[in-house]
C-alpha atoms as a PDB file:
ATOM      1  CA  MET A   1     172.880 114.187  45.185  1.00  0.00           C
ATOM      2  CA  ARG A   2     172.530 110.261  45.088  1.00  0.00           C
ATOM      3  CA  THR A   3     172.680 110.436  48.721  1.00  0.00           C
ATOM      4  CA  LEU A   4     169.754 112.899  49.057  1.00  0.00           C
ATOM      5  CA  PHE A   5     167.702 110.568  46.591  1.00  0.00           C
ATOM      6  CA  ILE A   6     168.431 107.403  48.855  1.00  0.00           C
ATOM      7  CA  SER A   7     167.746 109.385  51.889  1.00  0.00           C
ATOM      8  CA  CYS A   8     164.250 110.613  50.770  1.00  0.00           C
ATOM      9  CA  PHE A   9     163.621 106.915  49.431  1.00  0.00           C
ATOM     10  CA  LEU A  10     164.171 105.648  52.500  1.00  0.00           C
ATOM     11  CA  PHE A  11     162.249 108.145  54.599  1.00  0.00           C
ATOM     12  CA  LEU A  12     159.126 107.973  52.397  1.00  0.00           C
ATOM     13  CA  LEU A  13     159.419 103.938  52.548  1.00  0.00           C
ATOM     14  CA  THR A  14     159.547 103.999  56.243  1.00  0.00           C
ATOM     15  CA  HIS A  15     156.851 106.581  56.769  1.00  0.00           C
ATOM     16  CA  SER A  16     154.471 104.512  54.563  1.00  0.00           C
ATOM     17  CA  VAL A  17     155.078 101.294  56.138  1.00  0.00           C
ATOM     18  CA  PHE A  18     154.357 102.560  59.535  1.00  0.00           C
ATOM     19  CA  ALA A  19     151.612 105.406  58.589  1.00  0.00           C
ATOM     20  CA  ASP A  20     148.215 105.079  60.410  1.00  0.00           C
ATOM     21  CA  THR A  21     145.762 103.413  58.372  1.00  0.00           C
ATOM     22  CA  ILE A  22     141.929 105.098  59.001  1.00  0.00           C
ATOM     23  CA  PHE A  23     139.402 102.772  58.202  1.00  0.00           C
ATOM     24  CA  LYS A  24     136.806 104.904  59.896  1.00  0.00           C
ATOM     25  CA  GLU A  25     137.228 108.259  61.552  1.00  0.00           C
ATOM     26  CA  PRO A  26     136.102 108.125  65.409  1.00  0.00           C
ATOM     27  CA  LYS A  27     133.583 110.936  64.940  1.00  0.00           C
ATOM     28  CA  GLN A  28     132.280 109.114  62.202  1.00  0.00           C
ATOM     29  CA  PHE A  29     131.676 105.912  63.952  1.00  0.00           C
ATOM     30  CA  ILE A  30     129.729 107.783  66.824  1.00  0.00           C
ATOM     31  CA  ASP A  31     127.710 109.283  64.329  1.00  0.00           C
ATOM     32  CA  GLU A  32     126.654 106.246  62.777  1.00  0.00           C
ATOM     33  CA  THR A  33     126.282 104.463  66.110  1.00  0.00           C
ATOM     34  CA  PHE A  34     123.520 107.061  67.106  1.00  0.00           C
ATOM     35  CA  GLN A  35     122.278 107.724  63.779  1.00  0.00           C
ATOM     36  CA  GLN A  36     123.435 111.534  64.005  1.00  0.00           C
ATOM     37  CA  LYS A  37     121.599 112.144  67.550  1.00  0.00           C
ATOM     38  CA  VAL A  38     124.993 111.742  69.169  1.00  0.00           C
ATOM     39  CA  PRO A  39     124.458 112.384  73.190  1.00  0.00           C
ATOM     40  CA  LYS A  40     126.942 114.282  75.090  1.00  0.00           C
ATOM     41  CA  PRO A  41     130.196 112.330  75.834  1.00  0.00           C
ATOM     42  CA  LYS A  42     130.269 111.180  79.521  1.00  0.00           C
ATOM     43  CA  VAL A  43     133.320 110.029  81.389  1.00  0.00           C
ATOM     44  CA  ILE A  44     134.155 107.225  83.823  1.00  0.00           C
ATOM     45  CA  TRP A  45     136.720 108.177  86.283  1.00  0.00           C
ATOM     46  CA  LEU A  46     139.069 105.092  86.973  1.00  0.00           C
ATOM     47  CA  THR A  47     138.992 104.864  90.710  1.00  0.00           C
ATOM     48  CA  LYS A  48     141.000 102.698  93.025  1.00  0.00           C
ATOM     49  CA  LYS A  49     137.919 100.040  92.750  1.00  0.00           C
ATOM     50  CA  LEU A  50     137.914  99.880  89.103  1.00  0.00           C
ATOM     51  CA  LYS A  51     141.757 100.000  88.510  1.00  0.00           C
ATOM     52  CA  SER A  52     142.070  96.357  89.745  1.00  0.00           C
ATOM     53  CA  PRO A  53     139.821  94.576  87.459  1.00  0.00           C
ATOM     54  CA  ILE A  54     140.981  96.761  84.524  1.00  0.00           C
ATOM     55  CA  LYS A  55     144.574  95.926  85.161  1.00  0.00           C
ATOM     56  CA  LYS A  56     143.548  92.139  85.204  1.00  0.00           C
ATOM     57  CA  ILE A  57     141.739  92.579  81.943  1.00  0.00           C
ATOM     58  CA  LEU A  58     144.573  94.198  79.901  1.00  0.00           C
ATOM     59  CA  ASN A  59     147.441  92.455  82.206  1.00  0.00           C
ATOM     60  CA  HIS A  60     148.969  95.856  82.588  1.00  0.00           C
ATOM     61  CA  LYS A  61     147.534  99.393  84.221  1.00  0.00           C
ATOM     62  CA  TYR A  62     145.386 101.596  81.865  1.00  0.00           C
ATOM     63  CA  ARG A  63     147.263 104.631  81.137  1.00  0.00           C
ATOM     64  CA  THR A  64     144.834 107.326  81.769  1.00  0.00           C
ATOM     65  CA  LEU A  65     142.571 108.550  84.709  1.00  0.00           C
ATOM     66  CA  ARG A  66     139.439 108.683  82.955  1.00  0.00           C
ATOM     67  CA  VAL A  67     137.459 107.010  79.929  1.00  0.00           C
ATOM     68  CA  ARG A  68     135.001 108.953  77.766  1.00  0.00           C
ATOM     69  CA  TYR A  69     131.853 107.310  76.391  1.00  0.00           C
ATOM     70  CA  TRP A  70     128.745 107.998  74.762  1.00  0.00           C
ATOM     71  CA  GLY A  71     125.494 106.542  75.996  1.00  0.00           C
ATOM     72  CA  GLN A  72     122.098 106.425  75.194  1.00  0.00           C
ATOM     73  CA  HIS A  73     118.904 104.017  76.356  1.00  0.00           C
ATOM     74  CA  ASN A  74     120.798 100.723  77.023  1.00  0.00           C
ATOM     75  CA  LYS A  75     123.620 101.494  74.452  1.00  0.00           C
ATOM     76  CA  THR A  76     127.252 102.559  74.913  1.00  0.00           C
ATOM     77  CA  ALA A  77     129.782 103.559  72.304  1.00  0.00           C
ATOM     78  CA  TRP A  78     133.572 103.287  73.356  1.00  0.00           C
ATOM     79  CA  ILE A  79     136.569 104.228  71.558  1.00  0.00           C
ATOM     80  CA  LEU A  80     139.522 102.697  73.034  1.00  0.00           C
ATOM     81  CA  GLU A  81     143.156 102.133  72.070  1.00  0.00           C
ATOM     82  CA  GLU A  82     145.573  99.228  73.086  1.00  0.00           C
ATOM     83  CA  THR A  83     148.908  98.382  71.709  1.00  0.00           C
ATOM     84  CA  GLY A  84     149.253  95.336  69.365  1.00  0.00           C
ATOM     85  CA  LYS A  85     152.784  94.215  68.787  1.00  0.00           C
ATOM     86  CA  GLU A  86     154.424  97.743  68.579  1.00  0.00           C
ATOM     87  CA  GLU A  87     151.722 100.267  67.891  1.00  0.00           C
ATOM     88  CA  PRO A  88     148.382 101.226  69.350  1.00  0.00           C
ATOM     89  CA  ILE A  89     145.152  99.943  67.499  1.00  0.00           C
ATOM     90  CA  THR A  90     142.045 102.218  67.636  1.00  0.00           C
ATOM     91  CA  VAL A  91     138.866 100.371  68.144  1.00  0.00           C
ATOM     92  CA  GLY A  92     134.996 101.307  68.252  1.00  0.00           C
ATOM     93  CA  ILE A  93     133.041  98.878  70.456  1.00  0.00           C
ATOM     94  CA  ILE A  94     128.990  99.242  70.709  1.00  0.00           C
ATOM     95  CA  ILE A  95     127.744  97.504  73.685  1.00  0.00           C
ATOM     96  CA  SER A  96     123.775  97.066  73.904  1.00  0.00           C
ATOM     97  CA  ASN A  97     121.834  95.197  76.628  1.00  0.00           C
ATOM     98  CA  ASN A  98     125.110  94.088  78.347  1.00  0.00           C
ATOM     99  CA  HIS A  99     126.466  92.677  75.111  1.00  0.00           C
ATOM    100  CA  ILE A 100     128.866  93.255  72.183  1.00  0.00           C
ATOM    101  CA  GLU A 101     126.855  94.738  69.271  1.00  0.00           C
ATOM    102  CA  LYS A 102     129.693  95.507  66.922  1.00  0.00           C
ATOM    103  CA  VAL A 103     133.276  95.748  67.211  1.00  0.00           C
ATOM    104  CA  GLN A 104     135.032  97.572  64.270  1.00  0.00           C
ATOM    105  CA  ILE A 105     138.600  98.810  63.832  1.00  0.00           C
ATOM    106  CA  LEU A 106     138.669 102.317  63.253  1.00  0.00           C
ATOM    107  CA  ILE A 107     142.940 103.403  62.959  1.00  0.00           C
ATOM    108  CA  TYR A 108     145.296 100.464  62.570  1.00  0.00           C
ATOM    109  CA  ARG A 109     148.961 101.199  62.962  1.00  0.00           C
ATOM    110  CA  GLU A 110     151.030  98.126  63.201  1.00  0.00           C
ATOM    111  CA  SER A 111     152.816  96.834  59.764  1.00  0.00           C
ATOM    112  CA  ARG A 112     151.419  93.263  59.943  1.00  0.00           C
ATOM    113  CA  GLY A 113     148.105  91.805  61.346  1.00  0.00           C
ATOM    114  CA  GLY A 114     145.502  94.167  59.532  1.00  0.00           C
ATOM    115  CA  GLU A 115     143.401  91.475  59.066  1.00  0.00           C
ATOM    116  CA  VAL A 116     141.789  91.880  62.355  1.00  0.00           C
ATOM    117  CA  ARG A 117     139.897  94.631  60.459  1.00  0.00           C
ATOM    118  CA  TYR A 118     137.660  92.696  58.589  1.00  0.00           C
ATOM    119  CA  PRO A 119     134.186  91.380  59.247  1.00  0.00           C
ATOM    120  CA  PHE A 120     135.121  87.578  59.610  1.00  0.00           C
ATOM    121  CA  PHE A 121     137.217  88.676  62.353  1.00  0.00           C
ATOM    122  CA  THR A 122     135.476  91.303  64.123  1.00  0.00           C
ATOM    123  CA  SER A 123     131.746  89.668  63.820  1.00  0.00           C
ATOM    124  CA  GLN A 124     132.837  87.120  66.003  1.00  0.00           C
ATOM    125  CA  PHE A 125     132.287  89.005  69.059  1.00  0.00           C
ATOM    126  CA  ASN A 126     128.732  90.076  68.421  1.00  0.00           C
ATOM    127  CA  LYS A 127     126.330  89.035  71.021  1.00  0.00           C
ATOM    128  CA  THR A 128     129.504  88.513  73.439  1.00  0.00           C
ATOM    129  CA  HIS A 129     128.881  88.890  77.066  1.00  0.00           C
ATOM    130  CA  LEU A 130     131.337  89.230  79.916  1.00  0.00           C
ATOM    131  CA  THR A 131     131.549  86.551  82.427  1.00  0.00           C
ATOM    132  CA  ASN A 132     131.820  87.140  86.057  1.00  0.00           C
ATOM    133  CA  ASP A 133     135.465  86.672  86.011  1.00  0.00           C
ATOM    134  CA  HIS A 134     135.812  88.994  83.278  1.00  0.00           C
ATOM    135  CA  LYS A 135     136.159  86.833  80.284  1.00  0.00           C
ATOM    136  CA  LEU A 136     134.274  86.764  77.111  1.00  0.00           C
ATOM    137  CA  ASP A 137     131.662  83.850  77.131  1.00  0.00           C
ATOM    138  CA  LYS A 138     132.583  82.495  73.878  1.00  0.00           C
ATOM    139  CA  HIS A 139     135.779  81.546  71.890  1.00  0.00           C
ATOM    140  CA  ILE A 140     137.194  83.794  69.527  1.00  0.00           C
ATOM    141  CA  ASP A 141     139.092  82.134  66.661  1.00  0.00           C
ATOM    142  CA  GLY A 142     142.522  84.050  66.258  1.00  0.00           C
ATOM    143  CA  ILE A 143     144.698  84.761  63.029  1.00  0.00           C
ATOM    144  CA  THR A 144     147.895  83.451  62.147  1.00  0.00           C
ATOM    145  CA  GLY A 145     150.374  86.085  62.186  1.00  0.00           C
ATOM    146  CA  ALA A 146     148.051  88.595  64.092  1.00  0.00           C
ATOM    147  CA  THR A 147     148.279  86.985  67.494  1.00  0.00           C
ATOM    148  CA  LEU A 148     149.019  90.031  69.358  1.00  0.00           C
ATOM    149  CA  SER A 149     146.539  92.447  67.584  1.00  0.00           C
ATOM    150  CA  VAL A 150     143.827  89.792  68.103  1.00  0.00           C
ATOM    151  CA  ASN A 151     144.720  89.587  72.041  1.00  0.00           C
ATOM    152  CA  ALA A 152     144.574  93.634  71.995  1.00  0.00           C
ATOM    153  CA  ILE A 153     140.878  93.388  70.316  1.00  0.00           C
ATOM    154  CA  LYS A 154     139.849  90.653  72.735  1.00  0.00           C
ATOM    155  CA  LYS A 155     141.282  92.917  75.864  1.00  0.00           C
ATOM    156  CA  LEU A 156     139.385  95.853  74.702  1.00  0.00           C
ATOM    157  CA  SER A 157     136.398  93.986  74.121  1.00  0.00           C
ATOM    158  CA  ARG A 158     136.402  92.960  77.543  1.00  0.00           C
ATOM    159  CA  LEU A 159     137.274  96.386  78.715  1.00  0.00           C
ATOM    160  CA  ALA A 160     134.206  97.880  76.950  1.00  0.00           C
ATOM    161  CA  LEU A 161     132.039  95.300  78.679  1.00  0.00           C
ATOM    162  CA  PHE A 162     133.281  95.753  82.069  1.00  0.00           C
ATOM    163  CA  LEU A 163     133.148  99.778  81.468  1.00  0.00           C
ATOM    164  CA  HIS A 164     129.561  99.215  80.015  1.00  0.00           C
ATOM    165  CA  GLN A 165     128.786  97.340  83.330  1.00  0.00           C
ATOM    166  CA  GLN A 166     129.655 100.579  85.253  1.00  0.00           C
ATOM    167  CA  THR A 167     127.556 102.855  83.346  1.00  0.00           C
ATOM    168  CA  PRO A 168     123.871 103.724  84.001  1.00  0.00           C
ATOM    169  CA  PHE A 169     123.073 102.265  80.762  1.00  0.00           C
ATOM    170  CA  SER A 170     123.761  98.766  82.036  1.00  0.00           C
ATOM    171  CA  LYS A 171     121.163  96.497  82.988  1.00  0.00           C
ATOM    172  CA  ASN A 172     123.407  95.338  86.130  1.00  0.00           C
ATOM    173  CA  HIS A 173     123.813  99.014  87.375  1.00  0.00           C
END
């Protein structure tokens, strides 16, 4: 009986430490972005031409063949994932007029570094553009103890800006 109790306690403890923390459902993020007038999702196929710059942005191959996004006028919304230290972080990113309008952490799965969800961090990305060498055009301050999560969000921001440039909603397209 005692062994069963300890086993259950450890399972619950472990499960709660690694449980997903959902700050906003992806559907809710998209609904809010387009004020309930959500356009049909579109897809960018990751062709050979796109795979090379994406690999440079992420420092690894992207694991899918296509990326889904929503677009209207000069605005696109992206729900992307990148691994922080060990687990994926789901991020919603809005691009408008070729700059970041908003970065929001939707689902956080890491046991540490969750401070990246707060506006003091995410608001640094507002009005950021992508340079010709696929870097952000302004410095983003890190957070002590959350370096890998910070880096993941910076990579996703660069990726969303790059992918936006490939859509008909970009001024550059």
